[in-house]
Amino acid sequence: MATQAGLDLVEISPNADPPVCRIMDYGKYMYQLSRKEREARRKQQSGGLKEIKFRPNTDQHDYDFKMRHAREFLGERHKVKATVVFRGRQLVYKDQGFELLVRLASDLADVATVEKEAILEGKQVTMILSPIRK
């Protein structure tokens, strides 16, 4: 029947009793399968986690520079971990670290959402931003 139709006889389940076969165009089937896999890979979340580090007294120019990098990372569908690192007695100014991260989140609000709020972990304040899904 398969040769009369000009198609292939494909064994679907060889362990069944009786074995299950299907008449189909095997080349076309494999092509459609590869297209489905390619489409699934394209829709898959790509990228990982990129980190940007600040200091509590980061200057405006340095802040803008790092914010542009964060914007690029988010544009490439990466998550961004923003960290404010304190050294020695700088921990007294932890409120400046929280303000810096809140300002970063508001500046990147058009391309990112806050996945994890700013929290103090040891001698650093961290926050995770994720790209907005389209």
N, C-alpha and C. Protein backbone atom coordinates (compact mmCIF):
# COMPACT_ATOMS: atom_id res chain seq x y z
N MET A 1 0.83 -1.21 0.00
CA MET A 1 0.00 0.00 0.00
C MET A 1 0.87 1.26 0.00
N ALA A 2 1.98 1.21 0.76
CA ALA A 2 2.85 2.38 0.84
C ALA A 2 3.54 2.64 -0.49
N THR A 3 4.01 1.58 -1.15
CA THR A 3 4.70 1.77 -2.44
C THR A 3 3.72 2.23 -3.51
N GLN A 4 2.47 1.75 -3.44
CA GLN A 4 1.47 2.20 -4.42
C GLN A 4 1.18 3.68 -4.26
N ALA A 5 1.17 4.15 -2.98
CA ALA A 5 0.90 5.57 -2.70
C ALA A 5 2.15 6.42 -2.90
N GLY A 6 3.31 5.78 -3.05
CA GLY A 6 4.55 6.53 -3.22
C GLY A 6 5.06 7.11 -1.92
N LEU A 7 4.70 6.47 -0.82
CA LEU A 7 5.10 6.96 0.52
C LEU A 7 5.96 5.90 1.21
N ASP A 8 6.31 6.16 2.46
CA ASP A 8 7.15 5.25 3.23
C ASP A 8 6.32 4.56 4.31
N LEU A 9 6.73 3.33 4.65
CA LEU A 9 6.11 2.59 5.75
C LEU A 9 7.03 2.75 6.95
N VAL A 10 6.54 3.44 8.00
CA VAL A 10 7.35 3.76 9.17
C VAL A 10 6.81 3.00 10.37
N GLU A 11 7.72 2.29 11.06
CA GLU A 11 7.34 1.53 12.24
C GLU A 11 7.30 2.47 13.43
N ILE A 12 6.12 2.65 14.02
CA ILE A 12 5.92 3.59 15.13
C ILE A 12 6.25 2.94 16.46
N SER A 13 5.67 1.78 16.72
CA SER A 13 5.87 1.10 18.00
C SER A 13 6.22 -0.37 17.74
N PRO A 14 7.54 -0.68 17.73
CA PRO A 14 7.93 -2.05 17.39
C PRO A 14 7.64 -3.07 18.49
N ASN A 15 7.49 -2.62 19.74
CA ASN A 15 7.29 -3.56 20.85
C ASN A 15 5.83 -3.94 21.05
N ALA A 16 4.92 -3.26 20.36
CA ALA A 16 3.49 -3.57 20.52
C ALA A 16 3.18 -4.90 19.84
N ASP A 17 2.05 -5.49 20.21
CA ASP A 17 1.65 -6.76 19.60
C ASP A 17 0.29 -6.57 18.96
N PRO A 18 0.13 -6.49 17.71
CA PRO A 18 1.11 -6.51 16.62
C PRO A 18 1.83 -5.16 16.52
N PRO A 19 3.01 -5.10 15.89
CA PRO A 19 3.75 -3.84 15.74
C PRO A 19 2.91 -2.80 14.98
N VAL A 20 3.04 -1.54 15.41
CA VAL A 20 2.25 -0.46 14.81
C VAL A 20 3.09 0.23 13.75
N CYS A 21 2.53 0.34 12.53
CA CYS A 21 3.21 1.01 11.42
C CYS A 21 2.31 2.11 10.87
N ARG A 22 2.94 3.03 10.16
CA ARG A 22 2.20 4.16 9.61
C ARG A 22 2.72 4.46 8.21
N ILE A 23 1.82 4.79 7.33
CA ILE A 23 2.20 5.15 5.97
C ILE A 23 2.29 6.67 5.91
N MET A 24 3.50 7.18 5.59
CA MET A 24 3.70 8.63 5.55
C MET A 24 4.92 8.96 4.71
N ASP A 25 5.08 10.24 4.38
CA ASP A 25 6.28 10.72 3.70
C ASP A 25 7.30 11.02 4.79
N TYR A 26 8.27 10.14 4.97
CA TYR A 26 9.22 10.23 6.09
C TYR A 26 10.09 11.48 6.01
N GLY A 27 10.52 11.86 4.82
CA GLY A 27 11.34 13.07 4.67
C GLY A 27 10.60 14.31 5.10
N LYS A 28 9.34 14.40 4.71
CA LYS A 28 8.51 15.54 5.10
C LYS A 28 8.28 15.56 6.61
N TYR A 29 8.07 14.37 7.18
CA TYR A 29 7.86 14.24 8.62
C TYR A 29 9.09 14.72 9.38
N MET A 30 10.28 14.30 8.96
CA MET A 30 11.52 14.71 9.63
C MET A 30 11.74 16.21 9.49
N TYR A 31 11.40 16.77 8.35
CA TYR A 31 11.53 18.21 8.13
C TYR A 31 10.62 18.98 9.09
N GLN A 32 9.37 18.55 9.20
CA GLN A 32 8.43 19.21 10.10
C GLN A 32 8.89 19.10 11.56
N LEU A 33 9.44 17.95 11.92
CA LEU A 33 9.95 17.76 13.28
C LEU A 33 11.10 18.72 13.56
N SER A 34 12.02 18.88 12.61
CA SER A 34 13.15 19.79 12.82
C SER A 34 12.65 21.24 12.91
N ARG A 35 11.63 21.60 12.14
CA ARG A 35 11.08 22.95 12.21
C ARG A 35 10.44 23.21 13.58
N LYS A 36 9.74 22.20 14.12
CA LYS A 36 9.13 22.36 15.45
C LYS A 36 10.20 22.55 16.51
N GLU A 37 11.27 21.76 16.43
CA GLU A 37 12.36 21.88 17.41
C GLU A 37 13.03 23.25 17.30
N ARG A 38 13.22 23.72 16.09
CA ARG A 38 13.85 25.03 15.88
C ARG A 38 12.97 26.14 16.46
N GLU A 39 11.66 26.04 16.25
CA GLU A 39 10.72 27.03 16.77
C GLU A 39 10.72 27.02 18.30
N ALA A 40 10.77 25.82 18.89
CA ALA A 40 10.80 25.70 20.35
C ALA A 40 12.08 26.32 20.92
N ARG A 41 13.22 26.10 20.23
CA ARG A 41 14.48 26.71 20.68
C ARG A 41 14.42 28.22 20.60
N ARG A 42 13.76 28.73 19.57
CA ARG A 42 13.69 30.18 19.39
C ARG A 42 12.85 30.83 20.49
N LYS A 43 11.80 30.15 20.93
CA LYS A 43 10.92 30.70 21.96
C LYS A 43 11.47 30.49 23.36
N GLN A 44 12.52 29.69 23.47
CA GLN A 44 13.10 29.37 24.76
C GLN A 44 13.77 30.60 25.37
N GLN A 45 13.72 30.70 26.69
CA GLN A 45 14.36 31.80 27.39
C GLN A 45 15.87 31.67 27.20
N SER A 46 16.46 32.68 26.61
CA SER A 46 17.90 32.61 26.38
C SER A 46 18.62 33.51 27.38
N GLY A 47 19.89 33.31 27.48
CA GLY A 47 20.70 34.16 28.35
C GLY A 47 20.70 33.67 29.77
N GLY A 48 21.56 34.25 30.53
CA GLY A 48 21.70 33.85 31.92
C GLY A 48 21.58 35.05 32.83
N LEU A 49 22.50 35.14 33.76
CA LEU A 49 22.48 36.21 34.75
C LEU A 49 23.77 37.01 34.63
N LYS A 50 23.62 38.30 34.42
CA LYS A 50 24.78 39.20 34.36
C LYS A 50 24.76 40.04 35.63
N GLU A 51 25.95 40.38 36.11
CA GLU A 51 26.03 41.15 37.36
C GLU A 51 26.70 42.49 37.11
N ILE A 52 26.14 43.51 37.75
CA ILE A 52 26.70 44.85 37.70
C ILE A 52 26.92 45.29 39.14
N LYS A 53 28.15 45.73 39.44
CA LYS A 53 28.49 46.11 40.81
C LYS A 53 28.65 47.62 40.93
N PHE A 54 28.12 48.15 42.01
CA PHE A 54 28.23 49.56 42.33
C PHE A 54 28.89 49.70 43.69
N ARG A 55 29.30 50.92 44.01
CA ARG A 55 29.75 51.29 45.34
C ARG A 55 28.72 52.26 45.90
N PRO A 56 28.64 52.45 47.22
CA PRO A 56 27.61 53.34 47.76
C PRO A 56 27.75 54.79 47.31
N ASN A 57 28.96 55.24 46.98
CA ASN A 57 29.15 56.63 46.55
C ASN A 57 29.55 56.69 45.07
N THR A 58 28.86 55.89 44.23
CA THR A 58 29.15 55.85 42.80
C THR A 58 28.77 57.19 42.17
N ASP A 59 29.68 57.72 41.36
CA ASP A 59 29.47 59.01 40.69
C ASP A 59 28.41 58.87 39.59
N GLN A 60 27.83 59.99 39.18
CA GLN A 60 26.75 59.99 38.18
C GLN A 60 27.19 59.39 36.85
N HIS A 61 28.37 59.76 36.37
CA HIS A 61 28.85 59.24 35.09
C HIS A 61 29.03 57.73 35.13
N ASP A 62 29.62 57.23 36.22
CA ASP A 62 29.81 55.79 36.37
C ASP A 62 28.47 55.07 36.45
N TYR A 63 27.52 55.68 37.15
CA TYR A 63 26.17 55.12 37.26
C TYR A 63 25.53 55.02 35.87
N ASP A 64 25.62 56.10 35.08
CA ASP A 64 25.04 56.10 33.74
C ASP A 64 25.68 55.03 32.86
N PHE A 65 27.01 54.91 32.95
CA PHE A 65 27.75 53.92 32.16
C PHE A 65 27.28 52.51 32.48
N LYS A 66 27.16 52.20 33.76
CA LYS A 66 26.74 50.86 34.17
C LYS A 66 25.26 50.62 33.87
N MET A 67 24.46 51.68 33.94
CA MET A 67 23.05 51.55 33.61
C MET A 67 22.88 51.21 32.12
N ARG A 68 23.71 51.82 31.25
CA ARG A 68 23.65 51.50 29.82
C ARG A 68 24.02 50.04 29.58
N HIS A 69 25.02 49.54 30.30
CA HIS A 69 25.39 48.13 30.17
C HIS A 69 24.23 47.23 30.61
N ALA A 70 23.58 47.59 31.70
CA ALA A 70 22.44 46.81 32.18
C ALA A 70 21.33 46.81 31.13
N ARG A 71 21.10 47.95 30.50
CA ARG A 71 20.08 48.06 29.45
C ARG A 71 20.42 47.14 28.27
N GLU A 72 21.71 47.08 27.91
CA GLU A 72 22.14 46.18 26.83
C GLU A 72 21.90 44.71 27.21
N PHE A 73 22.26 44.35 28.44
CA PHE A 73 22.07 42.98 28.90
C PHE A 73 20.60 42.60 28.86
N LEU A 74 19.74 43.51 29.32
CA LEU A 74 18.31 43.25 29.32
C LEU A 74 17.78 43.15 27.89
N GLY A 75 18.35 43.93 26.99
CA GLY A 75 17.96 43.85 25.58
C GLY A 75 18.32 42.52 24.96
N GLU A 76 19.36 41.88 25.47
CA GLU A 76 19.78 40.56 25.00
C GLU A 76 19.07 39.45 25.77
N ARG A 77 18.04 39.79 26.53
CA ARG A 77 17.21 38.85 27.30
C ARG A 77 17.94 38.20 28.46
N HIS A 78 18.97 38.85 29.02
CA HIS A 78 19.65 38.35 30.20
C HIS A 78 19.01 38.99 31.44
N LYS A 79 19.06 38.29 32.55
CA LYS A 79 18.68 38.89 33.82
C LYS A 79 19.88 39.67 34.33
N VAL A 80 19.64 40.70 35.12
CA VAL A 80 20.72 41.53 35.65
C VAL A 80 20.64 41.52 37.17
N LYS A 81 21.78 41.18 37.79
CA LYS A 81 21.89 41.23 39.24
C LYS A 81 22.68 42.49 39.57
N ALA A 82 22.02 43.46 40.16
CA ALA A 82 22.67 44.72 40.53
C ALA A 82 23.08 44.61 42.00
N THR A 83 24.35 44.91 42.27
CA THR A 83 24.91 44.76 43.61
C THR A 83 25.61 46.04 44.02
N VAL A 84 25.35 46.46 45.25
CA VAL A 84 26.10 47.58 45.84
C VAL A 84 26.98 46.97 46.93
N VAL A 85 28.29 47.09 46.76
CA VAL A 85 29.25 46.46 47.67
C VAL A 85 29.78 47.51 48.65
N PHE A 86 29.78 47.15 49.92
CA PHE A 86 30.29 48.04 50.97
C PHE A 86 31.60 47.49 51.49
N ARG A 87 32.53 48.38 51.80
CA ARG A 87 33.79 47.98 52.42
C ARG A 87 33.96 48.71 53.74
N GLY A 88 34.42 47.98 54.72
CA GLY A 88 34.75 48.58 56.01
C GLY A 88 33.59 49.34 56.62
N ARG A 89 33.81 50.62 56.89
CA ARG A 89 32.80 51.43 57.57
C ARG A 89 31.74 51.97 56.63
N GLN A 90 31.84 51.66 55.34
CA GLN A 90 30.83 52.13 54.40
C GLN A 90 29.46 51.52 54.68
N LEU A 91 29.40 50.46 55.45
CA LEU A 91 28.14 49.81 55.76
C LEU A 91 27.19 50.75 56.49
N VAL A 92 27.74 51.81 57.07
CA VAL A 92 26.91 52.82 57.73
C VAL A 92 25.99 53.49 56.71
N TYR A 93 26.42 53.54 55.44
CA TYR A 93 25.65 54.20 54.39
C TYR A 93 24.82 53.22 53.56
N LYS A 94 24.31 52.19 54.21
CA LYS A 94 23.53 51.19 53.46
C LYS A 94 22.27 51.79 52.87
N ASP A 95 21.73 52.85 53.45
CA ASP A 95 20.54 53.50 52.88
C ASP A 95 20.86 54.08 51.49
N GLN A 96 22.09 54.55 51.28
CA GLN A 96 22.49 55.04 49.96
C GLN A 96 22.49 53.90 48.94
N GLY A 97 22.87 52.72 49.38
CA GLY A 97 22.86 51.55 48.49
C GLY A 97 21.45 51.19 48.05
N PHE A 98 20.51 51.22 49.01
CA PHE A 98 19.12 50.93 48.66
C PHE A 98 18.58 52.00 47.71
N GLU A 99 18.89 53.27 47.96
CA GLU A 99 18.43 54.35 47.09
C GLU A 99 18.98 54.20 45.68
N LEU A 100 20.24 53.80 45.59
CA LEU A 100 20.88 53.61 44.28
C LEU A 100 20.17 52.52 43.48
N LEU A 101 19.84 51.42 44.12
CA LEU A 101 19.17 50.32 43.43
C LEU A 101 17.73 50.66 43.07
N VAL A 102 17.06 51.41 43.92
CA VAL A 102 15.69 51.84 43.60
C VAL A 102 15.72 52.79 42.40
N ARG A 103 16.72 53.67 42.36
CA ARG A 103 16.87 54.59 41.23
C ARG A 103 17.17 53.81 39.94
N LEU A 104 18.00 52.78 40.05
CA LEU A 104 18.31 51.94 38.88
C LEU A 104 17.04 51.25 38.36
N ALA A 105 16.24 50.71 39.27
CA ALA A 105 15.01 50.03 38.88
C ALA A 105 14.05 51.00 38.20
N SER A 106 13.96 52.22 38.70
CA SER A 106 13.05 53.20 38.08
C SER A 106 13.58 53.66 36.72
N ASP A 107 14.91 53.78 36.58
CA ASP A 107 15.48 54.18 35.29
C ASP A 107 15.33 53.10 34.23
N LEU A 108 15.32 51.84 34.65
CA LEU A 108 15.20 50.73 33.70
C LEU A 108 13.78 50.16 33.64
N ALA A 109 12.80 50.89 34.18
CA ALA A 109 11.42 50.39 34.24
C ALA A 109 10.83 50.12 32.87
N ASP A 110 11.31 50.80 31.83
CA ASP A 110 10.76 50.59 30.49
C ASP A 110 11.21 49.27 29.86
N VAL A 111 12.32 48.68 30.33
CA VAL A 111 12.82 47.44 29.76
C VAL A 111 12.91 46.30 30.77
N ALA A 112 12.69 46.57 32.06
CA ALA A 112 12.89 45.53 33.07
C ALA A 112 11.85 45.62 34.18
N THR A 113 11.64 44.48 34.81
CA THR A 113 10.82 44.42 36.02
C THR A 113 11.69 43.89 37.16
N VAL A 114 11.35 44.28 38.36
CA VAL A 114 12.11 43.83 39.52
C VAL A 114 11.65 42.42 39.87
N GLU A 115 12.56 41.48 39.76
CA GLU A 115 12.24 40.09 40.09
C GLU A 115 12.45 39.83 41.57
N LYS A 116 13.50 40.41 42.13
CA LYS A 116 13.81 40.25 43.55
C LYS A 116 14.16 41.62 44.10
N GLU A 117 13.43 42.07 45.08
CA GLU A 117 13.65 43.38 45.68
C GLU A 117 15.04 43.48 46.30
N ALA A 118 15.47 44.72 46.53
CA ALA A 118 16.78 44.97 47.12
C ALA A 118 16.80 44.50 48.57
N ILE A 119 17.76 43.64 48.90
CA ILE A 119 17.92 43.16 50.27
C ILE A 119 19.39 43.19 50.64
N LEU A 120 19.64 43.34 51.93
CA LEU A 120 21.01 43.37 52.45
C LEU A 120 21.45 41.94 52.73
N GLU A 121 22.55 41.53 52.09
CA GLU A 121 23.13 40.20 52.29
C GLU A 121 24.58 40.38 52.71
N GLY A 122 24.84 40.31 53.98
CA GLY A 122 26.21 40.51 54.46
C GLY A 122 26.64 41.95 54.27
N LYS A 123 27.69 42.17 53.45
CA LYS A 123 28.19 43.53 53.21
C LYS A 123 27.81 44.02 51.81
N GLN A 124 26.68 43.54 51.29
CA GLN A 124 26.23 44.01 49.98
C GLN A 124 24.72 44.01 49.90
N VAL A 125 24.20 44.91 49.08
CA VAL A 125 22.77 44.99 48.80
C VAL A 125 22.57 44.49 47.37
N THR A 126 21.69 43.52 47.18
CA THR A 126 21.48 42.97 45.85
C THR A 126 20.02 43.08 45.42
N MET A 127 19.84 43.17 44.10
CA MET A 127 18.51 43.22 43.51
C MET A 127 18.62 42.55 42.14
N ILE A 128 17.60 41.80 41.73
CA ILE A 128 17.61 41.13 40.44
C ILE A 128 16.52 41.72 39.55
N LEU A 129 16.92 42.11 38.34
CA LEU A 129 16.01 42.66 37.34
C LEU A 129 15.88 41.65 36.21
N SER A 130 14.67 41.47 35.70
CA SER A 130 14.49 40.57 34.57
C SER A 130 13.84 41.34 33.42
N PRO A 131 14.13 40.96 32.19
CA PRO A 131 13.57 41.68 31.04
C PRO A 131 12.06 41.51 30.96
N ILE A 132 11.40 42.51 30.43
CA ILE A 132 9.95 42.46 30.27
C ILE A 132 9.64 41.50 29.13
N ARG A 133 8.70 40.60 29.37
CA ARG A 133 8.30 39.63 28.34
C ARG A 133 7.38 40.32 27.34
N LYS A 134 7.56 39.95 26.06
CA LYS A 134 6.74 40.57 25.01
C LYS A 134 5.61 39.65 24.65
